[in-house]
Amino acid sequence: MRIVILGAGFGGLELSTLLSEEFGDDLDVVLIDKGEGFVFGFSKLDVMFGYTDAAHVLHRFDDVVKPGVRFVRAEVTAIDPVAKVVSTDAGTFEADFLVVALGADLHPQDTPGLLEGGYEFYTVPGAFELRDVLDQFEGGRVLVGVTSTPFKCPPAPSETTLLVNDFLQARGLRERSEVSLVMPLPVPIPPSPQASEAILAAFEQRGINWHPGKLVRALDPDRKVAVLSDGDELPYDLFLGVPVHRAPAVVVASGLTEDGWIPVDPLTLQTKFAGVYAVGDVTSVGTPKAGVFAEGQATVVAAAIIATLRNSTTDHTYDGHGICYMEFGGHEIAKIDVTFLSGARPAGSLEGPDANLAADKSAFGTERIQRWFGKAWTGIDA
């Protein structure tokens, strides 16, 4: 019996781990990803702002050594969801169960002027490159902007803006600088009024300019202005952008998507094809596009596959719950807890911001790297 998992992010790593724990070598789990390793989203910011180095935060897929799990580094070139056959540049794989966890691809080239006149911080290379850019920055107008919806990790643009403020303060550059954030949302984190209020209070306290309900549609590198969705323009000296997100082209070509993303049963994560599931950012399940939600969805898919193979049933359904940690600067961290139930209004709560939550955030990363890669790790250890 073979389970083929496409993508080794939160969802793929958690699912392969759960199946290995349940069946060991009695099951053939093939985990396919084109990358060399896994990087937490928060680790990208840690490198970007000089808290640690790139080598420390990259967890190589070669280190995924689990009973029954084979890691294949390959590019997925075609998916046949009817036959459950996957073609890659490393060969073809037939599956009894297929799980698509390929995430969202990022397209900075789709925003005119972004590649020529700004930087993006959502890809691993983009965030790592910004470490040197920020190190050489001498102050000025810093603009953080979202270029399209949906986008991964809704708190991240606010978090980045607060960390930019901290960075400039530490360098003695804040007094001659201006920091602004453009977001399409009416408040920073709509499901959690508490979190949104805390973020907006932090912006006001730090003199950060907040531009809600707008997108950055283009940059004019010659004039150093960002063109917004309402036609307004904002000047900048350093632009940090959240790029356009799309489902991978191979997923769209497979016939799995509708309106750009894979629709799934919100309780089971089953697609319209028998034996084919999808988790994480590639879906339109209704939760934010963030790793912790993919991880929760993976537990539901694992329970379904295990029940089928054990000739039993499961009542484990997806509850839409997730937490994330957000840096406020000044070594203070907030813990945001949100739940998205199908057909219900999202609910969220906030703990912090508080310096004591740093240990919680560290444990979050440490536990997952131990679980997925079998190694000890702490987040900040350059």
Protein backbone atom coordinates (compact mmCIF):
# COMPACT_ATOMS: atom_id res chain seq x y z
CA MET A 1 0.00 0.00 0.00
CA ARG A 2 1.50 3.32 -1.07
CA ILE A 3 0.68 6.84 0.09
CA VAL A 4 2.20 9.60 -2.03
CA ILE A 5 2.47 13.02 -0.37
CA LEU A 6 3.28 16.02 -2.56
CA GLY A 7 5.00 18.74 -0.56
CA ALA A 8 7.10 18.62 2.60
CA GLY A 9 5.83 21.64 4.50
CA PHE A 10 3.90 21.54 7.77
CA GLY A 11 1.22 19.31 6.25
CA GLY A 12 3.45 16.82 4.46
CA LEU A 13 5.92 16.48 7.33
CA GLU A 14 3.20 15.95 9.93
CA LEU A 15 1.26 13.48 7.79
CA SER A 16 4.32 11.37 6.95
CA THR A 17 5.30 11.35 10.63
CA LEU A 18 1.85 10.19 11.77
CA LEU A 19 1.74 7.41 9.18
CA SER A 20 5.24 6.27 10.10
CA GLU A 21 4.30 6.17 13.78
CA GLU A 22 1.24 4.06 13.00
CA PHE A 23 2.59 1.61 10.42
CA GLY A 24 6.39 1.85 10.34
CA ASP A 25 7.88 -0.25 7.55
CA ASP A 26 4.53 -1.91 6.83
CA LEU A 27 3.54 1.07 4.69
CA ASP A 28 5.23 2.74 1.70
CA VAL A 29 5.03 6.50 2.19
CA VAL A 30 6.64 8.59 -0.55
CA LEU A 31 7.21 12.23 0.39
CA ILE A 32 8.07 14.38 -2.63
CA ASP A 33 9.40 17.95 -2.57
CA LYS A 34 11.61 19.94 -4.93
CA GLY A 35 13.36 21.87 -2.16
CA GLU A 36 16.48 21.01 -0.21
CA GLY A 37 14.90 21.60 3.17
CA PHE A 38 12.24 23.09 5.41
CA VAL A 39 12.33 26.59 6.92
CA PHE A 40 9.78 27.94 9.40
CA GLY A 41 8.14 31.19 8.32
CA PHE A 42 9.33 32.92 11.50
CA SER A 43 12.87 31.71 10.83
CA LYS A 44 12.91 33.68 7.58
CA LEU A 45 12.39 36.85 9.61
CA ASP A 46 15.03 35.76 12.14
CA VAL A 47 17.59 35.58 9.33
CA MET A 48 16.30 38.72 7.61
CA PHE A 49 16.76 40.85 10.73
CA GLY A 50 20.11 39.31 11.67
CA TYR A 51 19.05 37.25 14.71
CA THR A 52 20.52 34.03 13.31
CA ASP A 53 22.06 32.68 10.11
CA ALA A 54 20.62 30.82 7.16
CA ALA A 55 22.42 27.53 7.82
CA HIS A 56 20.89 27.26 11.28
CA VAL A 57 17.28 27.54 10.17
CA LEU A 58 17.41 25.19 7.14
CA HIS A 59 16.32 21.65 8.04
CA ARG A 60 17.41 19.38 5.22
CA PHE A 61 14.99 16.83 3.88
CA ASP A 62 17.85 14.36 3.65
CA ASP A 63 17.55 14.18 7.44
CA VAL A 64 13.99 12.83 7.23
CA VAL A 65 14.71 9.23 8.25
CA LYS A 66 11.57 7.47 9.39
CA PRO A 67 10.37 3.86 9.12
CA GLY A 68 8.29 3.44 5.99
CA VAL A 69 9.00 6.95 4.64
CA ARG A 70 11.01 7.64 1.48
CA PHE A 71 11.92 11.23 0.68
CA VAL A 72 12.27 12.00 -3.03
CA ARG A 73 13.67 15.36 -4.07
CA ALA A 74 11.94 16.04 -7.35
CA GLU A 75 9.85 18.50 -9.32
CA VAL A 76 6.26 17.37 -9.83
CA THR A 77 5.50 17.62 -13.56
CA ALA A 78 2.00 16.12 -13.78
CA ILE A 79 -0.77 14.87 -11.47
CA ASP A 80 -3.50 12.47 -12.56
CA PRO A 81 -6.04 12.58 -9.70
CA VAL A 82 -8.28 9.94 -11.30
CA ALA A 83 -5.58 7.29 -11.62
CA LYS A 84 -3.66 8.70 -8.61
CA VAL A 85 -0.44 8.79 -10.63
CA VAL A 86 2.21 11.48 -10.18
CA SER A 87 4.92 12.25 -12.74
CA THR A 88 8.16 13.90 -11.61
CA ASP A 89 11.60 14.55 -13.05
CA ALA A 90 12.74 11.63 -10.87
CA GLY A 91 10.19 9.14 -12.17
CA THR A 92 6.52 8.20 -11.93
CA PHE A 93 4.73 7.22 -8.72
CA GLU A 94 1.44 5.36 -8.45
CA ALA A 95 -0.53 5.84 -5.25
CA ASP A 96 -3.31 4.14 -3.34
CA PHE A 97 -3.82 7.44 -1.51
CA LEU A 98 -2.61 10.78 -2.85
CA VAL A 99 -2.24 13.90 -0.70
CA VAL A 100 -1.51 17.26 -2.31
CA ALA A 101 0.29 19.64 0.05
CA LEU A 102 2.24 21.74 -2.46
CA GLY A 103 1.36 25.09 -0.93
CA ALA A 104 1.08 28.32 -2.87
CA ASP A 105 3.63 29.51 -5.41
CA LEU A 106 4.81 33.11 -5.19
CA HIS A 107 4.99 35.39 -8.23
CA PRO A 108 6.76 38.70 -7.48
CA GLN A 109 7.14 39.20 -11.24
CA ASP A 110 3.38 39.66 -11.51
CA THR A 111 3.51 43.02 -9.73
CA PRO A 112 4.94 45.58 -12.16
CA GLY A 113 8.15 47.10 -10.87
CA LEU A 114 8.54 44.84 -7.83
CA LEU A 115 11.59 42.95 -9.07
CA GLU A 116 13.22 46.13 -10.36
CA GLY A 117 12.32 48.50 -7.55
CA GLY A 118 11.69 46.50 -4.40
CA TYR A 119 12.11 43.26 -2.51
CA GLU A 120 9.86 40.43 -1.37
CA PHE A 121 10.29 38.69 1.98
CA TYR A 122 7.95 35.69 1.65
CA THR A 123 10.26 33.30 -0.20
CA VAL A 124 13.26 31.85 1.59
CA PRO A 125 15.79 33.37 -0.89
CA GLY A 126 14.00 36.72 -0.78
CA ALA A 127 14.04 36.95 3.00
CA PHE A 128 17.65 35.78 3.22
CA GLU A 129 18.75 38.35 0.61
CA LEU A 130 17.16 41.11 2.65
CA ARG A 131 19.58 40.54 5.53
CA ASP A 132 22.33 42.24 3.49
CA VAL A 133 19.94 44.87 2.09
CA LEU A 134 18.81 45.91 5.57
CA ASP A 135 22.37 45.84 6.85
CA GLN A 136 23.33 48.45 4.25
CA PHE A 137 20.18 50.57 4.61
CA GLU A 138 20.89 54.05 5.92
CA GLY A 139 17.35 55.08 6.74
CA GLY A 140 14.45 56.57 4.84
CA ARG A 141 10.91 55.66 3.90
CA VAL A 142 10.25 51.94 4.43
CA LEU A 143 7.02 50.64 2.95
CA VAL A 144 5.70 47.13 3.65
CA GLY A 145 2.93 46.21 1.22
CA VAL A 146 0.65 43.34 0.23
CA THR A 147 0.20 42.97 -3.52
CA SER A 148 -2.73 40.51 -3.80
CA THR A 149 -5.16 38.27 -1.94
CA PRO A 150 -5.20 35.64 -0.60
CA PHE A 151 -1.76 35.66 1.03
CA LYS A 152 -0.02 33.41 3.54
CA CYS A 153 0.19 34.15 7.25
CA PRO A 154 -1.97 37.29 7.63
CA PRO A 155 -0.08 38.50 10.75
CA ALA A 156 3.30 38.44 8.95
CA PRO A 157 3.12 41.87 7.26
CA SER A 158 2.27 43.54 10.59
CA GLU A 159 4.98 41.55 12.35
CA THR A 160 7.54 42.53 9.71
CA THR A 161 6.58 46.19 10.01
CA LEU A 162 7.06 46.12 13.79
CA LEU A 163 10.42 44.38 13.39
CA VAL A 164 11.50 46.96 10.80
CA ASN A 165 10.70 49.63 13.38
CA ASP A 166 12.78 47.77 15.98
CA PHE A 167 15.64 47.32 13.54
CA LEU A 168 15.75 51.03 12.71
CA GLN A 169 15.60 51.95 16.40
CA ALA A 170 18.53 49.66 17.19
CA ARG A 171 20.58 51.21 14.36
CA GLY A 172 19.80 54.77 15.41
CA LEU A 173 17.97 55.33 12.11
CA ARG A 174 14.37 55.61 13.26
CA GLU A 175 14.24 59.40 13.69
CA ARG A 176 15.16 59.94 10.06
CA SER A 177 12.93 57.18 8.77
CA GLU A 178 9.24 56.60 8.09
CA VAL A 179 7.59 53.18 8.38
CA SER A 180 4.29 52.34 6.64
CA LEU A 181 2.14 49.26 6.03
CA VAL A 182 -0.38 48.73 3.22
CA MET A 183 -2.81 45.82 3.67
CA PRO A 184 -6.07 44.83 2.00
CA LEU A 185 -7.73 43.94 5.31
CA PRO A 186 -9.82 46.41 7.34
CA VAL A 187 -7.86 45.48 10.48
CA PRO A 188 -4.59 43.54 10.83
CA ILE A 189 -6.17 40.24 11.96
CA PRO A 190 -9.96 40.25 11.40
CA PRO A 191 -10.74 36.98 13.29
CA SER A 192 -9.15 38.36 16.47
CA PRO A 193 -10.33 41.85 17.48
CA GLN A 194 -8.00 41.69 20.51
CA ALA A 195 -4.96 41.04 18.36
CA SER A 196 -5.95 43.73 15.88
CA GLU A 197 -6.41 46.28 18.66
CA ALA A 198 -3.02 45.42 20.14
CA ILE A 199 -1.30 45.73 16.74
CA LEU A 200 -2.97 49.05 15.91
CA ALA A 201 -2.04 50.38 19.37
CA ALA A 202 1.56 49.32 18.74
CA PHE A 203 1.51 51.10 15.37
CA GLU A 204 0.23 54.30 16.95
CA GLN A 205 2.73 54.14 19.79
CA ARG A 206 5.62 53.68 17.35
CA GLY A 207 4.45 56.18 14.74
CA ILE A 208 3.86 53.55 12.06
CA ASN A 209 1.55 54.59 9.20
CA TRP A 210 -1.32 52.15 8.63
CA HIS A 211 -3.13 52.01 5.26
CA PRO A 212 -5.97 49.43 5.46
CA GLY A 213 -8.22 48.17 2.70
CA LYS A 214 -5.68 48.69 -0.07
CA LEU A 215 -3.24 46.68 -2.19
CA VAL A 216 0.02 47.70 -3.83
CA ARG A 217 -0.65 47.22 -7.54
CA ALA A 218 2.70 48.38 -8.95
CA LEU A 219 5.98 50.11 -8.17
CA ASP A 220 7.49 52.91 -10.19
CA PRO A 221 11.22 52.42 -9.54
CA ASP A 222 12.22 55.65 -11.32
CA ARG A 223 9.96 57.84 -9.18
CA LYS A 224 10.26 55.58 -6.11
CA VAL A 225 6.52 55.40 -5.55
CA ALA A 226 4.10 52.53 -4.94
CA VAL A 227 0.82 52.69 -6.85
CA LEU A 228 -2.11 51.54 -4.71
CA SER A 229 -5.36 49.85 -5.72
CA ASP A 230 -7.35 53.07 -5.15
CA GLY A 231 -5.01 55.06 -7.37
CA ASP A 232 -3.10 56.75 -4.54
CA GLU A 233 0.68 56.74 -4.52
CA LEU A 234 3.08 56.33 -1.61
CA PRO A 235 6.77 57.24 -1.83
CA TYR A 236 9.38 54.79 -0.59
CA ASP A 237 13.12 54.27 -0.32
CA LEU A 238 12.86 50.59 0.62
CA PHE A 239 9.88 48.46 -0.40
CA LEU A 240 9.23 45.08 1.24
CA GLY A 241 6.45 43.25 -0.57
CA VAL A 242 4.16 40.29 -0.06
CA PRO A 243 4.05 38.84 -3.60
CA VAL A 244 1.17 37.43 -5.62
CA HIS A 245 0.14 33.90 -4.49
CA ARG A 246 -1.19 31.21 -6.81
CA ALA A 247 -1.70 27.47 -6.71
CA PRO A 248 1.19 25.70 -8.46
CA ALA A 249 0.68 25.45 -12.23
CA VAL A 250 0.94 21.65 -12.12
CA VAL A 251 -1.99 21.55 -9.69
CA VAL A 252 -4.13 23.81 -11.87
CA ALA A 253 -3.31 21.69 -14.95
CA SER A 254 -4.40 18.54 -13.10
CA GLY A 255 -8.04 19.61 -12.92
CA LEU A 256 -8.02 19.65 -9.13
CA THR A 257 -8.71 23.38 -8.76
CA GLU A 258 -11.75 25.60 -8.95
CA ASP A 259 -11.38 29.38 -8.88
CA GLY A 260 -7.64 28.94 -8.51
CA TRP A 261 -7.46 26.61 -5.49
CA ILE A 262 -8.37 23.02 -4.59
CA PRO A 263 -11.86 22.71 -3.05
CA VAL A 264 -12.08 20.08 -0.31
CA ASP A 265 -14.64 18.81 2.14
CA PRO A 266 -14.06 21.23 5.06
CA LEU A 267 -14.36 18.41 7.60
CA THR A 268 -12.39 15.62 5.90
CA LEU A 269 -10.08 17.43 3.40
CA GLN A 270 -11.17 14.94 0.72
CA THR A 271 -11.18 16.32 -2.83
CA LYS A 272 -13.79 15.44 -5.44
CA PHE A 273 -11.55 12.52 -6.47
CA ALA A 274 -11.70 9.28 -4.48
CA GLY A 275 -8.60 8.64 -2.40
CA VAL A 276 -7.19 12.11 -3.09
CA TYR A 277 -6.83 14.67 -0.30
CA ALA A 278 -5.41 18.19 -0.16
CA VAL A 279 -4.14 20.16 2.82
CA GLY A 280 -2.68 23.57 3.49
CA ASP A 281 -2.21 26.65 1.35
CA VAL A 282 -3.15 24.93 -1.91
CA THR A 283 -6.76 24.49 -0.73
CA SER A 284 -9.75 26.82 -0.42
CA VAL A 285 -10.84 25.21 2.85
CA GLY A 286 -11.53 28.59 4.48
CA THR A 287 -8.73 28.89 7.02
CA PRO A 288 -5.80 31.29 6.67
CA LYS A 289 -2.91 30.09 4.55
CA ALA A 290 -0.50 29.25 7.35
CA GLY A 291 1.50 26.17 8.28
CA VAL A 292 -0.21 25.45 11.56
CA PHE A 293 -3.53 24.98 9.76
CA ALA A 294 -1.92 22.57 7.29
CA GLU A 295 -0.57 20.62 10.23
CA GLY A 296 -4.03 20.34 11.79
CA GLN A 297 -5.51 19.24 8.48
CA ALA A 298 -2.82 16.57 8.14
CA THR A 299 -3.96 14.94 11.39
CA VAL A 300 -7.46 14.56 9.94
CA VAL A 301 -6.17 13.02 6.70
CA ALA A 302 -3.90 10.68 8.66
CA ALA A 303 -6.85 9.50 10.76
CA ALA A 304 -8.89 8.84 7.62
CA ILE A 305 -6.13 6.85 5.91
CA ILE A 306 -5.34 4.89 9.07
CA ALA A 307 -9.02 4.04 9.59
CA THR A 308 -9.37 2.84 6.00
CA LEU A 309 -6.26 0.66 6.21
CA ARG A 310 -7.35 -0.72 9.59
CA ASN A 311 -10.88 -1.44 8.27
CA SER A 312 -12.32 0.83 10.93
CA THR A 313 -13.94 4.26 11.07
CA THR A 314 -12.95 7.65 12.43
CA ASP A 315 -14.93 10.59 13.72
CA HIS A 316 -11.87 12.88 13.55
CA THR A 317 -12.91 15.94 11.56
CA TYR A 318 -11.19 19.24 10.99
CA ASP A 319 -11.94 21.89 13.61
CA GLY A 320 -10.29 24.89 11.92
CA HIS A 321 -8.18 25.67 14.98
CA GLY A 322 -4.70 27.14 14.94
CA ILE A 323 -2.26 29.30 16.86
CA CYS A 324 0.53 31.57 15.76
CA TYR A 325 3.21 33.61 17.46
CA MET A 326 3.80 37.20 16.45
CA GLU A 327 6.80 39.36 17.28
CA PHE A 328 5.91 42.87 18.43
CA GLY A 329 9.50 44.05 18.75
CA GLY A 330 11.26 44.85 21.98
CA HIS A 331 11.51 41.08 22.64
CA GLU A 332 7.74 40.92 23.19
CA ILE A 333 5.70 38.16 21.57
CA ALA A 334 1.96 37.62 21.25
CA LYS A 335 0.18 34.29 20.92
CA ILE A 336 -2.89 34.43 18.67
CA ASP A 337 -5.44 31.62 18.92
CA VAL A 338 -8.08 31.40 16.20
CA THR A 339 -10.75 28.93 15.10
CA PHE A 340 -12.47 28.81 11.71
CA LEU A 341 -15.48 26.52 11.76
CA SER A 342 -17.36 25.90 8.54
CA GLY A 343 -20.46 28.10 8.44
CA ALA A 344 -19.57 29.98 11.63
CA ARG A 345 -17.98 33.33 12.33
CA PRO A 346 -14.22 32.96 13.02
CA ALA A 347 -13.27 33.40 16.68
CA GLY A 348 -9.92 34.47 18.06
CA SER A 349 -8.14 35.42 21.26
CA LEU A 350 -4.84 37.01 22.22
CA GLU A 351 -2.24 36.28 24.89
CA GLY A 352 0.44 38.91 25.35
CA PRO A 353 2.40 40.60 23.92
CA ASP A 354 4.80 39.46 26.60
CA ALA A 355 8.51 38.67 26.76
CA ASN A 356 7.71 35.45 28.62
CA LEU A 357 6.05 33.99 25.51
CA ALA A 358 9.46 33.69 23.84
CA ALA A 359 9.86 30.30 25.54
CA ASP A 360 6.49 29.15 24.13
CA LYS A 361 7.49 30.16 20.61
CA SER A 362 10.85 28.44 20.94
CA ALA A 363 9.18 25.24 22.18
CA PHE A 364 6.78 25.33 19.21
CA GLY A 365 9.69 25.13 16.77
CA THR A 366 11.83 22.79 18.86
CA GLU A 367 9.08 20.20 19.27
CA ARG A 368 8.31 20.05 15.57
CA ILE A 369 11.91 19.76 14.42
CA GLN A 370 12.48 16.97 16.94
CA ARG A 371 9.32 15.24 15.76
CA TRP A 372 9.82 15.66 12.02
CA PHE A 373 13.61 15.49 11.71
CA GLY A 374 14.64 13.70 14.89
CA LYS A 375 17.12 16.35 15.99
CA ALA A 376 17.50 18.90 18.75
CA TRP A 377 17.10 22.50 17.65
CA THR A 378 16.46 25.95 19.08
CA GLY A 379 15.29 28.82 16.96
CA ILE A 380 17.91 31.48 17.67
CA ASP A 381 21.41 30.03 17.79
CA ALA A 382 23.69 31.64 15.25
